[in-house]
Structures are given as structure tokens and as C-alpha cells.
Amino acid sequence: MDIHQTEEQQVEAIKGFWKENGNSLIAGTVIGFGLFIGYNFYQDNKLQQELTVSENYQKVIELAETDKNAYRTSGDAFIKDNADSSYSALTALALAKDAAGHKDWSQVEKYLNIAVEKSTDAGVKGIAQLRLAQVKIQLAQYDNALITLALPFPESFKASIEESKGDIYLKQDKVELARNAYQAALAVDGQATNSSLQMKLDNLAENVNLAN
């Protein structure tokens, strides 16, 4: 086969391909380049939005030290305006702590439920769920507290969950269940790192001996 003929055929084939597809290739290149620019713009814009949300969150938290009423109002507004941001969960946790300070338990529950719902971080959600269970214990809603403690938690919360279960069972006069829960918590946490838990277990044993 003549090599020159083959090259001419390749050139003609390329010309024919370009004639049929050239416009779409150019359009594809332009669109691809435009998408690349658009993606970078989107990323930059997203980063700026996150920075703005972070700054606004900081402003809300700082109000806690200077103006409680403004802090609560601004906190509610921040949660409403930034419902899809992880900062809304952190704000709700902060407002729950504030409400607990003046024993407004209905508000505490409200904010902790918001934190559970809005959080995208397993650790933050675990903190909110554990505090919610402890509030339910405070309100003598023991069955509801146990339901909350049965929700998914990170493994690192196991000792706190078992200790909270022990507190519930003790209040329900379920001494054996309380002992088992405290022992399970201690097995995870260890006596050296949780003396208050060991004290609960010791007091439980002492009270049982006195009862007998």
C-alpha cells in the first residue's frame, strides 16, 4: 500500500470528521471551560458564605456575655436563617445551655431537639442526644429518656450512656439494673478516670446492705 495514499486518506478522514463534528467539539470545549470557571466561582462563593456564617455565629455567641436578651433573639434568628448550616446545631446547643441555666426545661428540650435534627456531625449529635436524655431524667420522663439513649451514638459515648441508664434505673428503684449499668459504664471508662461513677456504685452497694 502507498504510504502517501494512506496519509492522504487519513487527512481526508480528519477533514470529514472535523466538518461533521467541529462545531460540537468547539461548543464542548467552551462549555467545559465555562463549567471549570463556574465550579471555581461556586467554590469561592461557597467558602465566602461559610466564612460569613462563621463570623455571624461568633457574633451571636459573644452576645451571651453582654446582652442575654439580644443573645437569645439573635440565636433564634441565626438558626432560622442558617437552617442548613452545621452552625445552627452549635447555636442550638449554646441556647439549650443558656435555658438550662434558668431551668426553662421546655426551651432546653426545644433547642436540643433542634441540635439533634440539624447536626451533621455524629459527635455533636451525640452530645445533644445525651443532654436531651439527661433533661428527660430531670423531668422524670424515664421511659422517654431510655428511648433517647437507645438512639445511635458514637462508640465514645458508651460509658456516659450506661451511666445515664444507671441513674434512670436507680430512680425507678430497679437496683439490679442500675448496678449492671454502672458496672458496664465503669468497665468502659475505668475507675481511675471516673471516681464519681465508682462512688455511685459504692453508694448503691451500701444502700442495698443497709436495706438488708
N, C-alpha and C. Protein backbone atom coordinates (compact mmCIF):
# COMPACT_ATOMS: atom_id res chain seq x y z
N MET A 1 0.85 -1.20 0.00
CA MET A 1 0.00 0.00 0.00
C MET A 1 0.88 1.24 0.00
N ASP A 2 0.50 2.25 -0.83
CA ASP A 2 1.26 3.51 -0.91
C ASP A 2 1.05 4.31 0.37
N ILE A 3 2.17 4.60 1.06
CA ILE A 3 2.08 5.31 2.33
C ILE A 3 1.49 6.69 2.17
N HIS A 4 1.79 7.34 1.03
CA HIS A 4 1.26 8.69 0.78
C HIS A 4 -0.26 8.64 0.61
N GLN A 5 -0.71 7.57 -0.05
CA GLN A 5 -2.16 7.41 -0.22
C GLN A 5 -2.82 7.22 1.14
N THR A 6 -2.18 6.49 2.00
CA THR A 6 -2.73 6.25 3.34
C THR A 6 -2.80 7.55 4.13
N GLU A 7 -1.75 8.37 4.06
CA GLU A 7 -1.73 9.65 4.78
C GLU A 7 -2.81 10.58 4.23
N GLU A 8 -2.97 10.58 2.87
CA GLU A 8 -3.99 11.43 2.27
C GLU A 8 -5.39 11.00 2.73
N GLN A 9 -5.59 9.68 2.86
CA GLN A 9 -6.88 9.17 3.32
C GLN A 9 -7.13 9.59 4.78
N GLN A 10 -6.08 9.56 5.59
CA GLN A 10 -6.21 9.97 7.00
C GLN A 10 -6.55 11.45 7.10
N VAL A 11 -5.86 12.26 6.24
CA VAL A 11 -6.14 13.70 6.25
C VAL A 11 -7.57 13.96 5.83
N GLU A 12 -8.00 13.27 4.75
CA GLU A 12 -9.38 13.45 4.28
C GLU A 12 -10.38 12.99 5.34
N ALA A 13 -10.03 11.92 6.04
CA ALA A 13 -10.92 11.42 7.10
C ALA A 13 -11.03 12.42 8.23
N ILE A 14 -9.87 13.04 8.59
CA ILE A 14 -9.86 14.05 9.66
C ILE A 14 -10.68 15.26 9.24
N LYS A 15 -10.50 15.69 7.95
CA LYS A 15 -11.27 16.82 7.43
C LYS A 15 -12.77 16.54 7.50
N GLY A 16 -13.13 15.31 7.11
CA GLY A 16 -14.55 14.94 7.12
C GLY A 16 -15.10 14.91 8.54
N PHE A 17 -14.29 14.37 9.47
CA PHE A 17 -14.73 14.32 10.87
C PHE A 17 -14.91 15.73 11.43
N TRP A 18 -13.93 16.59 11.10
CA TRP A 18 -14.00 17.95 11.62
C TRP A 18 -15.20 18.70 11.05
N LYS A 19 -15.48 18.45 9.76
CA LYS A 19 -16.61 19.11 9.10
C LYS A 19 -17.91 18.73 9.78
N GLU A 20 -18.02 17.45 10.16
CA GLU A 20 -19.25 16.96 10.77
C GLU A 20 -19.33 17.30 12.26
N ASN A 21 -18.19 17.32 12.94
CA ASN A 21 -18.20 17.43 14.40
C ASN A 21 -17.49 18.65 14.96
N GLY A 22 -16.92 19.45 14.09
CA GLY A 22 -16.11 20.59 14.56
C GLY A 22 -16.88 21.53 15.46
N ASN A 23 -18.09 21.89 15.06
CA ASN A 23 -18.87 22.85 15.85
C ASN A 23 -19.20 22.30 17.24
N SER A 24 -19.54 21.02 17.28
CA SER A 24 -19.89 20.43 18.59
C SER A 24 -18.66 20.31 19.48
N LEU A 25 -17.49 20.06 18.87
CA LEU A 25 -16.27 19.98 19.66
C LEU A 25 -15.92 21.34 20.27
N ILE A 26 -16.05 22.38 19.43
CA ILE A 26 -15.78 23.73 19.93
C ILE A 26 -16.74 24.06 21.06
N ALA A 27 -18.01 23.74 20.82
CA ALA A 27 -19.02 24.03 21.85
C ALA A 27 -18.72 23.26 23.12
N GLY A 28 -18.29 22.00 22.96
CA GLY A 28 -17.97 21.19 24.14
C GLY A 28 -16.81 21.75 24.91
N THR A 29 -15.79 22.24 24.18
CA THR A 29 -14.63 22.84 24.83
C THR A 29 -15.02 24.09 25.60
N VAL A 30 -15.82 24.92 24.94
CA VAL A 30 -16.27 26.16 25.57
C VAL A 30 -17.10 25.87 26.81
N ILE A 31 -18.01 24.91 26.68
CA ILE A 31 -18.87 24.55 27.82
C ILE A 31 -18.02 24.00 28.96
N GLY A 32 -17.06 23.10 28.60
CA GLY A 32 -16.20 22.53 29.62
C GLY A 32 -15.39 23.59 30.35
N PHE A 33 -14.84 24.53 29.58
CA PHE A 33 -14.08 25.61 30.18
C PHE A 33 -14.98 26.48 31.06
N GLY A 34 -16.20 26.71 30.55
CA GLY A 34 -17.15 27.51 31.33
C GLY A 34 -17.54 26.82 32.63
N LEU A 35 -17.70 25.49 32.57
CA LEU A 35 -18.04 24.74 33.78
C LEU A 35 -16.89 24.79 34.77
N PHE A 36 -15.67 24.72 34.27
CA PHE A 36 -14.49 24.80 35.14
C PHE A 36 -14.45 26.13 35.88
N ILE A 37 -14.66 27.23 35.12
CA ILE A 37 -14.69 28.56 35.73
C ILE A 37 -15.85 28.67 36.70
N GLY A 38 -17.01 28.14 36.27
CA GLY A 38 -18.20 28.19 37.12
C GLY A 38 -18.01 27.42 38.42
N TYR A 39 -17.33 26.26 38.33
CA TYR A 39 -17.09 25.45 39.53
C TYR A 39 -16.18 26.19 40.51
N ASN A 40 -15.11 26.80 39.97
CA ASN A 40 -14.21 27.56 40.83
C ASN A 40 -14.92 28.74 41.48
N PHE A 41 -15.78 29.39 40.70
CA PHE A 41 -16.55 30.50 41.24
C PHE A 41 -17.49 30.01 42.33
N TYR A 42 -18.10 28.85 42.07
CA TYR A 42 -19.01 28.26 43.06
C TYR A 42 -18.26 27.95 44.35
N GLN A 43 -17.06 27.35 44.20
CA GLN A 43 -16.27 27.00 45.39
C GLN A 43 -15.87 28.25 46.17
N ASP A 44 -15.42 29.27 45.46
CA ASP A 44 -15.04 30.52 46.12
C ASP A 44 -16.23 31.16 46.82
N ASN A 45 -17.36 31.15 46.13
CA ASN A 45 -18.57 31.74 46.70
C ASN A 45 -19.04 30.96 47.92
N LYS A 46 -18.94 29.63 47.83
CA LYS A 46 -19.34 28.78 48.95
C LYS A 46 -18.45 29.04 50.16
N LEU A 47 -17.14 29.17 49.92
CA LEU A 47 -16.21 29.44 51.01
C LEU A 47 -16.53 30.77 51.67
N GLN A 48 -16.84 31.77 50.87
CA GLN A 48 -17.17 33.09 51.40
C GLN A 48 -18.44 33.03 52.24
N GLN A 49 -19.41 32.26 51.77
CA GLN A 49 -20.66 32.10 52.53
C GLN A 49 -20.39 31.43 53.87
N GLU A 50 -19.54 30.40 53.86
CA GLU A 50 -19.21 29.70 55.11
C GLU A 50 -18.48 30.62 56.09
N LEU A 51 -17.60 31.44 55.56
CA LEU A 51 -16.89 32.39 56.41
C LEU A 51 -17.85 33.40 57.02
N THR A 52 -18.81 33.84 56.22
CA THR A 52 -19.80 34.81 56.71
C THR A 52 -20.65 34.19 57.81
N VAL A 53 -21.08 32.94 57.59
CA VAL A 53 -21.88 32.24 58.60
C VAL A 53 -21.08 32.07 59.88
N SER A 54 -19.81 31.71 59.74
CA SER A 54 -18.94 31.52 60.90
C SER A 54 -18.80 32.82 61.69
N GLU A 55 -18.61 33.93 60.97
CA GLU A 55 -18.47 35.22 61.64
C GLU A 55 -19.76 35.61 62.36
N ASN A 56 -20.90 35.36 61.71
CA ASN A 56 -22.19 35.69 62.33
C ASN A 56 -22.45 34.83 63.56
N TYR A 57 -22.03 33.56 63.49
CA TYR A 57 -22.15 32.66 64.65
C TYR A 57 -21.34 33.20 65.82
N GLN A 58 -20.13 33.64 65.54
CA GLN A 58 -19.26 34.18 66.58
C GLN A 58 -19.88 35.42 67.22
N LYS A 59 -20.50 36.24 66.42
CA LYS A 59 -21.15 37.45 66.93
C LYS A 59 -22.29 37.09 67.88
N VAL A 60 -23.06 36.07 67.51
CA VAL A 60 -24.17 35.62 68.36
C VAL A 60 -23.64 35.13 69.70
N ILE A 61 -22.62 34.28 69.66
CA ILE A 61 -22.07 33.70 70.88
C ILE A 61 -21.49 34.77 71.80
N GLU A 62 -20.88 35.78 71.23
CA GLU A 62 -20.29 36.86 72.03
C GLU A 62 -21.36 37.65 72.78
N LEU A 63 -22.57 37.69 72.24
CA LEU A 63 -23.66 38.41 72.90
C LEU A 63 -24.04 37.77 74.24
N ALA A 64 -23.71 36.49 74.41
CA ALA A 64 -24.05 35.79 75.65
C ALA A 64 -23.42 36.45 76.86
N GLU A 65 -22.27 37.11 76.64
CA GLU A 65 -21.55 37.74 77.74
C GLU A 65 -22.00 39.18 77.99
N THR A 66 -22.73 39.76 77.05
CA THR A 66 -23.05 41.19 77.16
C THR A 66 -24.54 41.50 77.23
N ASP A 67 -25.36 40.73 76.50
CA ASP A 67 -26.79 41.04 76.43
C ASP A 67 -27.57 39.75 76.21
N LYS A 68 -28.08 39.18 77.29
CA LYS A 68 -28.76 37.88 77.22
C LYS A 68 -29.98 37.91 76.30
N ASN A 69 -30.77 38.98 76.39
CA ASN A 69 -31.97 39.06 75.56
C ASN A 69 -31.61 39.11 74.08
N ALA A 70 -30.62 39.94 73.76
CA ALA A 70 -30.17 40.03 72.36
C ALA A 70 -29.57 38.70 71.91
N TYR A 71 -28.89 38.03 72.83
CA TYR A 71 -28.28 36.73 72.54
C TYR A 71 -29.35 35.71 72.15
N ARG A 72 -30.42 35.64 72.93
CA ARG A 72 -31.48 34.67 72.65
C ARG A 72 -32.21 35.00 71.36
N THR A 73 -32.52 36.28 71.16
CA THR A 73 -33.21 36.70 69.94
C THR A 73 -32.36 36.46 68.71
N SER A 74 -31.10 36.86 68.80
CA SER A 74 -30.18 36.68 67.67
C SER A 74 -29.92 35.20 67.39
N GLY A 75 -29.86 34.41 68.47
CA GLY A 75 -29.65 32.98 68.30
C GLY A 75 -30.79 32.31 67.57
N ASP A 76 -32.01 32.67 67.93
CA ASP A 76 -33.18 32.12 67.23
C ASP A 76 -33.17 32.52 65.77
N ALA A 77 -32.86 33.78 65.51
CA ALA A 77 -32.82 34.28 64.13
C ALA A 77 -31.72 33.58 63.33
N PHE A 78 -30.57 33.36 63.97
CA PHE A 78 -29.45 32.70 63.29
C PHE A 78 -29.84 31.28 62.89
N ILE A 79 -30.48 30.54 63.79
CA ILE A 79 -30.90 29.17 63.49
C ILE A 79 -31.87 29.16 62.31
N LYS A 80 -32.80 30.09 62.33
CA LYS A 80 -33.80 30.17 61.26
C LYS A 80 -33.15 30.51 59.91
N ASP A 81 -32.21 31.44 59.92
CA ASP A 81 -31.59 31.91 58.68
C ASP A 81 -30.51 30.98 58.15
N ASN A 82 -30.01 30.08 59.00
CA ASN A 82 -28.92 29.20 58.60
C ASN A 82 -29.27 27.74 58.90
N ALA A 83 -30.49 27.37 58.54
CA ALA A 83 -31.01 26.05 58.89
C ALA A 83 -30.17 24.91 58.33
N ASP A 84 -29.51 25.14 57.20
CA ASP A 84 -28.74 24.06 56.57
C ASP A 84 -27.27 24.06 56.99
N SER A 85 -26.91 24.95 57.88
CA SER A 85 -25.52 25.04 58.32
C SER A 85 -25.31 24.26 59.61
N SER A 86 -24.12 23.66 59.75
CA SER A 86 -23.80 22.95 60.99
C SER A 86 -23.74 23.90 62.18
N TYR A 87 -23.54 25.18 61.90
CA TYR A 87 -23.50 26.17 62.98
C TYR A 87 -24.86 26.32 63.66
N SER A 88 -25.93 25.96 62.98
CA SER A 88 -27.26 26.06 63.60
C SER A 88 -27.36 25.07 64.76
N ALA A 89 -26.76 23.89 64.62
CA ALA A 89 -26.75 22.90 65.70
C ALA A 89 -25.93 23.39 66.89
N LEU A 90 -24.78 24.00 66.61
CA LEU A 90 -23.94 24.53 67.68
C LEU A 90 -24.64 25.68 68.41
N THR A 91 -25.35 26.51 67.66
CA THR A 91 -26.10 27.61 68.28
C THR A 91 -27.21 27.07 69.16
N ALA A 92 -27.89 26.04 68.67
CA ALA A 92 -28.96 25.43 69.46
C ALA A 92 -28.43 24.83 70.75
N LEU A 93 -27.25 24.21 70.69
CA LEU A 93 -26.63 23.66 71.91
C LEU A 93 -26.32 24.78 72.91
N ALA A 94 -25.82 25.88 72.40
CA ALA A 94 -25.49 27.02 73.28
C ALA A 94 -26.74 27.60 73.92
N LEU A 95 -27.81 27.71 73.15
CA LEU A 95 -29.08 28.24 73.68
C LEU A 95 -29.71 27.27 74.67
N ALA A 96 -29.51 25.98 74.44
CA ALA A 96 -30.01 24.98 75.40
C ALA A 96 -29.30 25.12 76.73
N LYS A 97 -27.99 25.35 76.69
CA LYS A 97 -27.22 25.55 77.92
C LYS A 97 -27.70 26.80 78.65
N ASP A 98 -27.97 27.85 77.90
CA ASP A 98 -28.47 29.09 78.49
C ASP A 98 -29.83 28.86 79.16
N ALA A 99 -30.71 28.14 78.48
CA ALA A 99 -32.04 27.86 79.04
C ALA A 99 -31.96 26.98 80.28
N ALA A 100 -31.01 26.05 80.29
CA ALA A 100 -30.83 25.19 81.46
C ALA A 100 -30.37 26.01 82.66
N GLY A 101 -29.64 27.10 82.39
CA GLY A 101 -29.15 27.95 83.47
C GLY A 101 -30.27 28.58 84.27
N HIS A 102 -31.42 28.84 83.63
CA HIS A 102 -32.57 29.37 84.39
C HIS A 102 -33.72 28.35 84.42
N LYS A 103 -33.36 27.07 84.24
CA LYS A 103 -34.27 25.93 84.43
C LYS A 103 -35.53 26.03 83.59
N ASP A 104 -35.39 26.53 82.38
CA ASP A 104 -36.51 26.54 81.44
C ASP A 104 -36.40 25.27 80.60
N TRP A 105 -36.90 24.16 81.18
CA TRP A 105 -36.66 22.85 80.60
C TRP A 105 -37.36 22.66 79.25
N SER A 106 -38.50 23.30 79.06
CA SER A 106 -39.17 23.17 77.77
C SER A 106 -38.33 23.79 76.66
N GLN A 107 -37.68 24.92 76.96
CA GLN A 107 -36.78 25.54 76.00
C GLN A 107 -35.53 24.70 75.78
N VAL A 108 -35.03 24.11 76.86
CA VAL A 108 -33.87 23.24 76.73
C VAL A 108 -34.19 22.09 75.77
N GLU A 109 -35.33 21.45 75.97
CA GLU A 109 -35.74 20.35 75.09
C GLU A 109 -35.87 20.82 73.65
N LYS A 110 -36.49 21.99 73.47
CA LYS A 110 -36.67 22.54 72.13
C LYS A 110 -35.34 22.70 71.41
N TYR A 111 -34.37 23.31 72.07
CA TYR A 111 -33.09 23.58 71.43
C TYR A 111 -32.28 22.29 71.22
N LEU A 112 -32.37 21.37 72.16
CA LEU A 112 -31.63 20.12 71.99
C LEU A 112 -32.21 19.31 70.84
N ASN A 113 -33.52 19.33 70.68
CA ASN A 113 -34.13 18.64 69.53
C ASN A 113 -33.69 19.27 68.22
N ILE A 114 -33.56 20.59 68.21
CA ILE A 114 -33.06 21.28 67.01
C ILE A 114 -31.63 20.85 66.72
N ALA A 115 -30.82 20.77 67.78
CA ALA A 115 -29.42 20.37 67.61
C ALA A 115 -29.31 18.95 67.05
N VAL A 116 -30.15 18.06 67.55
CA VAL A 116 -30.16 16.68 67.06
C VAL A 116 -30.56 16.65 65.58
N GLU A 117 -31.57 17.43 65.24
CA GLU A 117 -32.09 17.44 63.87
C GLU A 117 -31.10 18.07 62.88
N LYS A 118 -30.45 19.17 63.29
CA LYS A 118 -29.63 19.94 62.36
C LYS A 118 -28.18 19.45 62.25
N SER A 119 -27.72 18.74 63.25
CA SER A 119 -26.30 18.38 63.27
C SER A 119 -25.95 17.39 62.17
N THR A 120 -24.84 17.65 61.51
CA THR A 120 -24.30 16.72 60.51
C THR A 120 -23.08 15.99 61.06
N ASP A 121 -22.69 16.32 62.28
CA ASP A 121 -21.54 15.70 62.93
C ASP A 121 -22.02 14.73 64.00
N ALA A 122 -21.54 13.50 63.93
CA ALA A 122 -22.01 12.46 64.85
C ALA A 122 -21.69 12.81 66.30
N GLY A 123 -20.55 13.44 66.53
CA GLY A 123 -20.17 13.81 67.89
C GLY A 123 -21.09 14.87 68.48
N VAL A 124 -21.37 15.90 67.69
CA VAL A 124 -22.27 16.97 68.14
C VAL A 124 -23.67 16.41 68.37
N LYS A 125 -24.12 15.56 67.46
CA LYS A 125 -25.44 14.96 67.62
C LYS A 125 -25.48 14.09 68.88
N GLY A 126 -24.39 13.37 69.14
CA GLY A 126 -24.33 12.54 70.34
C GLY A 126 -24.43 13.37 71.61
N ILE A 127 -23.74 14.50 71.65
CA ILE A 127 -23.81 15.40 72.81
C ILE A 127 -25.24 15.88 73.02
N ALA A 128 -25.89 16.28 71.93
CA ALA A 128 -27.27 16.79 72.03
C ALA A 128 -28.21 15.70 72.52
N GLN A 129 -28.05 14.48 72.00
CA GLN A 129 -28.93 13.38 72.41
C GLN A 129 -28.72 13.01 73.88
N LEU A 130 -27.45 12.99 74.30
CA LEU A 130 -27.16 12.65 75.69
C LEU A 130 -27.73 13.70 76.63
N ARG A 131 -27.57 14.97 76.30
CA ARG A 131 -28.13 16.05 77.13
C ARG A 131 -29.65 15.99 77.14
N LEU A 132 -30.23 15.64 76.00
CA LEU A 132 -31.69 15.53 75.93
C LEU A 132 -32.18 14.42 76.85
N ALA A 133 -31.47 13.31 76.88
CA ALA A 133 -31.83 12.21 77.78
C ALA A 133 -31.72 12.65 79.24
N GLN A 134 -30.68 13.42 79.55
CA GLN A 134 -30.48 13.89 80.92
C GLN A 134 -31.56 14.89 81.34
N VAL A 135 -32.04 15.68 80.39
CA VAL A 135 -33.16 16.59 80.68
C VAL A 135 -34.42 15.79 80.97
N LYS A 136 -34.64 14.74 80.20
CA LYS A 136 -35.82 13.90 80.42
C LYS A 136 -35.74 13.21 81.78
N ILE A 137 -34.53 12.86 82.20
CA ILE A 137 -34.35 12.31 83.56
C ILE A 137 -34.73 13.36 84.59
N GLN A 138 -34.27 14.60 84.36
CA GLN A 138 -34.58 15.71 85.26
C GLN A 138 -36.09 15.91 85.38
N LEU A 139 -36.81 15.67 84.28
CA LEU A 139 -38.26 15.86 84.27
C LEU A 139 -39.01 14.58 84.63
N ALA A 140 -38.28 13.57 85.08
CA ALA A 140 -38.86 12.28 85.48
C ALA A 140 -39.55 11.57 84.32
N GLN A 141 -39.11 11.86 83.10
CA GLN A 141 -39.63 11.17 81.92
C GLN A 141 -38.68 10.00 81.59
N TYR A 142 -38.70 9.03 82.47
CA TYR A 142 -37.68 7.99 82.42
C TYR A 142 -37.75 7.11 81.18
N ASP A 143 -38.96 6.72 80.79
CA ASP A 143 -39.10 5.87 79.61
C ASP A 143 -38.64 6.61 78.35
N ASN A 144 -39.00 7.89 78.25
CA ASN A 144 -38.57 8.68 77.11
C ASN A 144 -37.05 8.87 77.10
N ALA A 145 -36.48 8.98 78.28
CA ALA A 145 -35.02 9.11 78.39
C ALA A 145 -34.33 7.84 77.87
N LEU A 146 -34.88 6.69 78.23
CA LEU A 146 -34.30 5.42 77.76
C LEU A 146 -34.43 5.29 76.25
N ILE A 147 -35.53 5.78 75.69
CA ILE A 147 -35.71 5.75 74.23
C ILE A 147 -34.64 6.62 73.57
N THR A 148 -34.38 7.78 74.15
CA THR A 148 -33.36 8.67 73.60
C THR A 148 -31.98 8.02 73.69
N LEU A 149 -31.71 7.35 74.78
CA LEU A 149 -30.40 6.70 74.95
C LEU A 149 -30.23 5.49 74.03
N ALA A 150 -31.34 5.00 73.48
CA ALA A 150 -31.28 3.86 72.56
C ALA A 150 -30.99 4.30 71.12
N LEU A 151 -30.94 5.62 70.87
CA LEU A 151 -30.62 6.13 69.54
C LEU A 151 -29.16 5.83 69.20
N PRO A 152 -28.80 5.87 67.92
CA PRO A 152 -27.39 5.64 67.55
C PRO A 152 -26.46 6.71 68.13
N PHE A 153 -25.37 6.26 68.73
CA PHE A 153 -24.36 7.14 69.31
C PHE A 153 -22.98 6.68 68.84
N PRO A 154 -22.02 7.58 68.77
CA PRO A 154 -20.63 7.15 68.56
C PRO A 154 -20.18 6.25 69.72
N GLU A 155 -19.25 5.37 69.47
CA GLU A 155 -18.79 4.42 70.47
C GLU A 155 -18.25 5.12 71.71
N SER A 156 -17.69 6.30 71.54
CA SER A 156 -17.08 7.02 72.66
C SER A 156 -18.10 7.46 73.71
N PHE A 157 -19.38 7.38 73.41
CA PHE A 157 -20.43 7.78 74.35
C PHE A 157 -20.93 6.62 75.21
N LYS A 158 -20.39 5.44 75.00
CA LYS A 158 -20.94 4.25 75.65
C LYS A 158 -20.96 4.36 77.17
N ALA A 159 -19.88 4.83 77.77
CA ALA A 159 -19.82 4.93 79.23
C ALA A 159 -20.86 5.91 79.75
N SER A 160 -21.00 7.06 79.10
CA SER A 160 -21.97 8.06 79.54
C SER A 160 -23.40 7.55 79.39
N ILE A 161 -23.65 6.79 78.33
CA ILE A 161 -24.98 6.22 78.11
C ILE A 161 -25.32 5.24 79.23
N GLU A 162 -24.38 4.36 79.53
CA GLU A 162 -24.64 3.36 80.58
C GLU A 162 -24.81 4.02 81.94
N GLU A 163 -24.02 5.05 82.21
CA GLU A 163 -24.17 5.76 83.48
C GLU A 163 -25.54 6.42 83.58
N SER A 164 -25.99 7.02 82.49
CA SER A 164 -27.31 7.65 82.48
C SER A 164 -28.42 6.61 82.66
N LYS A 165 -28.24 5.46 82.05
CA LYS A 165 -29.21 4.37 82.26
C LYS A 165 -29.24 3.97 83.73
N GLY A 166 -28.05 3.89 84.34
CA GLY A 166 -28.00 3.56 85.76
C GLY A 166 -28.75 4.57 86.60
N ASP A 167 -28.60 5.85 86.28
CA ASP A 167 -29.33 6.90 87.02
C ASP A 167 -30.84 6.72 86.89
N ILE A 168 -31.28 6.36 85.68
CA ILE A 168 -32.72 6.15 85.45
C ILE A 168 -33.22 4.97 86.28
N TYR A 169 -32.51 3.85 86.17
CA TYR A 169 -32.95 2.65 86.89
C TYR A 169 -32.95 2.87 88.40
N LEU A 170 -32.00 3.63 88.90
CA LEU A 170 -31.95 3.90 90.33
C LEU A 170 -33.17 4.70 90.76
N LYS A 171 -33.57 5.68 89.95
CA LYS A 171 -34.74 6.48 90.27
C LYS A 171 -36.03 5.66 90.17
N GLN A 172 -35.95 4.60 89.37
CA GLN A 172 -37.11 3.70 89.25
C GLN A 172 -37.06 2.56 90.26
N ASP A 173 -36.08 2.61 91.17
CA ASP A 173 -35.88 1.57 92.18
C ASP A 173 -35.57 0.21 91.56
N LYS A 174 -34.98 0.21 90.39
CA LYS A 174 -34.55 -1.02 89.75
C LYS A 174 -33.06 -1.19 90.04
N VAL A 175 -32.80 -1.63 91.26
CA VAL A 175 -31.44 -1.61 91.79
C VAL A 175 -30.50 -2.50 90.99
N GLU A 176 -30.93 -3.69 90.63
CA GLU A 176 -30.05 -4.61 89.92
C GLU A 176 -29.70 -4.08 88.54
N LEU A 177 -30.70 -3.50 87.87
CA LEU A 177 -30.43 -2.91 86.55
C LEU A 177 -29.49 -1.72 86.67
N ALA A 178 -29.68 -0.94 87.73
CA ALA A 178 -28.81 0.22 87.97
C ALA A 178 -27.37 -0.24 88.19
N ARG A 179 -27.19 -1.28 89.00
CA ARG A 179 -25.85 -1.79 89.28
C ARG A 179 -25.20 -2.28 87.99
N ASN A 180 -25.95 -3.03 87.19
CA ASN A 180 -25.41 -3.56 85.94
C ASN A 180 -24.98 -2.43 84.99
N ALA A 181 -25.80 -1.39 84.94
CA ALA A 181 -25.49 -0.26 84.05
C ALA A 181 -24.25 0.48 84.52
N TYR A 182 -24.17 0.73 85.84
CA TYR A 182 -22.99 1.41 86.38
C TYR A 182 -21.72 0.58 86.17
N GLN A 183 -21.83 -0.72 86.35
CA GLN A 183 -20.67 -1.59 86.14
C GLN A 183 -20.25 -1.60 84.68
N ALA A 184 -21.24 -1.59 83.79
CA ALA A 184 -20.93 -1.54 82.35
C ALA A 184 -20.23 -0.23 82.01
N ALA A 185 -20.69 0.85 82.60
CA ALA A 185 -20.06 2.15 82.36
C ALA A 185 -18.64 2.17 82.89
N LEU A 186 -18.45 1.61 84.07
CA LEU A 186 -17.13 1.59 84.70
C LEU A 186 -16.16 0.71 83.92
N ALA A 187 -16.69 -0.36 83.34
CA ALA A 187 -15.85 -1.26 82.55
C ALA A 187 -15.29 -0.56 81.32
N VAL A 188 -16.07 0.39 80.80
CA VAL A 188 -15.62 1.16 79.63
C VAL A 188 -14.68 2.27 80.05
N ASP A 189 -15.09 3.00 81.10
CA ASP A 189 -14.37 4.22 81.48
C ASP A 189 -13.19 3.97 82.41
N GLY A 190 -13.35 3.02 83.30
CA GLY A 190 -12.27 2.71 84.24
C GLY A 190 -12.35 3.54 85.50
N GLN A 191 -12.06 2.93 86.63
CA GLN A 191 -12.17 3.60 87.94
C GLN A 191 -11.23 4.81 88.04
N ALA A 192 -10.08 4.70 87.41
CA ALA A 192 -9.09 5.77 87.55
C ALA A 192 -9.54 7.07 86.91
N THR A 193 -10.41 6.97 85.91
CA THR A 193 -10.83 8.17 85.19
C THR A 193 -12.24 8.64 85.56
N ASN A 194 -12.94 7.88 86.38
CA ASN A 194 -14.31 8.27 86.73
C ASN A 194 -14.62 7.90 88.17
N SER A 195 -14.10 8.69 89.08
CA SER A 195 -14.29 8.42 90.51
C SER A 195 -15.74 8.63 90.93
N SER A 196 -16.45 9.58 90.26
CA SER A 196 -17.85 9.83 90.62
C SER A 196 -18.72 8.64 90.27
N LEU A 197 -18.40 7.96 89.17
CA LEU A 197 -19.14 6.76 88.79
C LEU A 197 -18.90 5.64 89.79
N GLN A 198 -17.66 5.48 90.22
CA GLN A 198 -17.34 4.47 91.23
C GLN A 198 -18.07 4.78 92.53
N MET A 199 -18.19 6.07 92.85
CA MET A 199 -18.90 6.46 94.07
C MET A 199 -20.37 6.09 93.99
N LYS A 200 -20.97 6.28 92.81
CA LYS A 200 -22.38 5.88 92.64
C LYS A 200 -22.55 4.39 92.88
N LEU A 201 -21.61 3.62 92.36
CA LEU A 201 -21.69 2.17 92.53
C LEU A 201 -21.48 1.78 93.98
N ASP A 202 -20.55 2.43 94.65
CA ASP A 202 -20.31 2.14 96.07
C ASP A 202 -21.52 2.53 96.92
N ASN A 203 -22.11 3.68 96.65
CA ASN A 203 -23.28 4.13 97.40
C ASN A 203 -24.46 3.18 97.19
N LEU A 204 -24.58 2.68 95.96
CA LEU A 204 -25.64 1.74 95.66
C LEU A 204 -25.48 0.46 96.47
N ALA A 205 -24.25 -0.04 96.54
CA ALA A 205 -23.99 -1.25 97.32
C ALA A 205 -24.23 -1.03 98.79
N GLU A 206 -23.85 0.15 99.28
CA GLU A 206 -24.03 0.49 100.70
C GLU A 206 -25.51 0.57 101.05
N ASN A 207 -26.29 1.20 100.19
CA ASN A 207 -27.73 1.33 100.43
C ASN A 207 -28.44 -0.03 100.41
N VAL A 208 -27.96 -0.90 99.53
CA VAL A 208 -28.55 -2.25 99.48
C VAL A 208 -28.24 -3.00 100.76
N ASN A 209 -27.00 -2.86 101.27
CA ASN A 209 -26.62 -3.53 102.52
C ASN A 209 -27.43 -2.99 103.71
N LEU A 210 -27.66 -1.70 103.73
CA LEU A 210 -28.45 -1.09 104.81
C LEU A 210 -29.90 -1.58 104.76
N ALA A 211 -30.40 -1.74 103.55
CA ALA A 211 -31.78 -2.19 103.37
C ALA A 211 -31.96 -3.62 103.85
N ASN A 212 -30.87 -4.38 103.72
CA ASN A 212 -30.93 -5.77 104.15
C ASN A 212 -30.66 -5.92 105.64
